[in-house]
Protein backbone atom coordinates (compact mmCIF):
# COMPACT_ATOMS: atom_id res chain seq x y z
CA MET A 1 116.82 109.52 121.14
CA ILE A 2 117.21 113.41 120.84
CA CYS A 3 113.77 114.94 120.45
CA SER A 4 112.50 116.77 117.34
CA ASN A 5 110.27 118.91 119.12
CA CYS A 6 113.34 120.63 120.79
CA GLY A 7 116.75 119.00 119.69
CA ILE A 8 117.70 117.62 123.11
CA GLU A 9 118.46 113.95 124.11
CA MET A 10 114.93 112.23 125.70
CA GLU A 11 114.97 110.22 128.84
CA ALA A 12 114.76 106.09 128.16
CA GLY A 13 111.91 104.07 129.38
CA ILE A 14 108.77 102.71 129.39
CA LEU A 15 104.79 102.30 129.03
CA ARG A 16 103.10 99.88 131.32
CA THR A 17 99.39 99.42 132.38
CA ASP A 18 99.25 96.80 135.54
CA GLY A 19 96.10 94.72 135.78
CA SER A 20 95.19 95.21 132.31
CA PRO A 21 94.10 93.05 129.24
CA CYS A 22 96.23 94.72 126.59
CA LEU A 23 98.12 98.11 125.63
CA TYR A 24 97.12 99.65 122.44
CA TYR A 25 96.68 103.14 120.78
CA ILE A 26 92.75 103.53 119.40
CA PRO A 27 92.34 106.99 117.22
CA ASN A 28 89.63 109.55 119.60
CA THR A 29 87.21 108.95 116.89
CA GLU A 30 85.88 105.84 118.23
CA ASN A 31 84.69 104.73 121.34
CA SER A 32 86.50 103.25 124.25
CA LEU A 33 86.60 99.51 124.36
CA TYR A 34 87.24 99.70 127.86
CA GLY A 35 85.37 96.93 130.25
CA ARG A 36 84.90 94.32 127.52
CA ILE A 37 86.72 91.30 126.08
CA ILE A 38 88.30 92.76 123.10
CA THR A 39 90.49 91.29 120.08
CA LYS A 40 93.89 92.24 118.15
CA LYS A 41 91.76 92.25 115.06
CA GLU A 42 88.84 94.58 116.50
CA ILE A 43 91.09 96.76 117.71
CA GLU A 44 93.00 96.44 114.10
CA LEU A 45 89.44 96.89 112.27
CA LYS A 46 89.02 100.37 114.46
CA GLY A 47 92.00 102.05 113.22
CA GLY A 48 93.98 100.80 116.46
CA VAL A 49 97.56 99.86 116.95
CA VAL A 50 98.13 97.03 119.65
CA LEU A 51 101.18 97.87 121.68
CA ASP A 52 101.03 94.74 123.95
CA GLY A 53 98.71 91.63 124.62
CA PRO A 54 95.94 91.63 124.43
CA TYR A 55 95.26 88.76 127.09
CA VAL A 56 93.22 86.49 128.44
CA THR A 57 93.51 87.30 132.02
CA ARG A 58 94.68 91.05 133.39
CA PHE A 59 97.22 89.02 135.48
CA HIS A 60 99.55 91.06 133.17
CA VAL A 61 102.27 93.41 133.36
CA LEU A 62 102.27 95.24 130.03
CA LYS A 63 104.99 97.23 128.79
CA VAL A 64 106.64 99.06 125.56
CA LYS A 65 109.44 100.40 125.27
CA CYS A 66 109.66 104.52 124.84
CA ASN A 67 111.45 107.31 124.88
CA ILE A 68 110.52 110.47 127.07
CA CYS A 69 111.18 114.82 126.26
CA LYS A 70 109.99 116.11 129.49
CA LYS A 71 110.50 119.86 128.87
CA CYS A 72 107.94 119.20 125.54
CA ARG A 73 105.92 116.84 127.67
CA LYS A 74 106.25 114.12 123.97
CA ILE A 75 106.27 110.03 124.36
CA VAL A 76 108.25 108.35 121.27
CA ILE A 77 107.14 105.04 121.09
CA ASP A 78 108.05 102.44 118.18
CA TYR A 79 105.69 99.30 117.59
């Protein structure tokens, strides 16, 4: 994938988190959901997008494919 910012080839990789119930995006205007049992519906009601999970336990390794431009410090993901 080509970086839309600088035009160089981006490096493929994954976003991941270990020992967490899910990986999600939530707008900066919303409070953190950290430390609570959360659901996909709750995240989406707050304008968020679930990338992987949530799971009942924290014994999962969550991974989302992405591309990174280390020059521009940008990450592009599909969800």
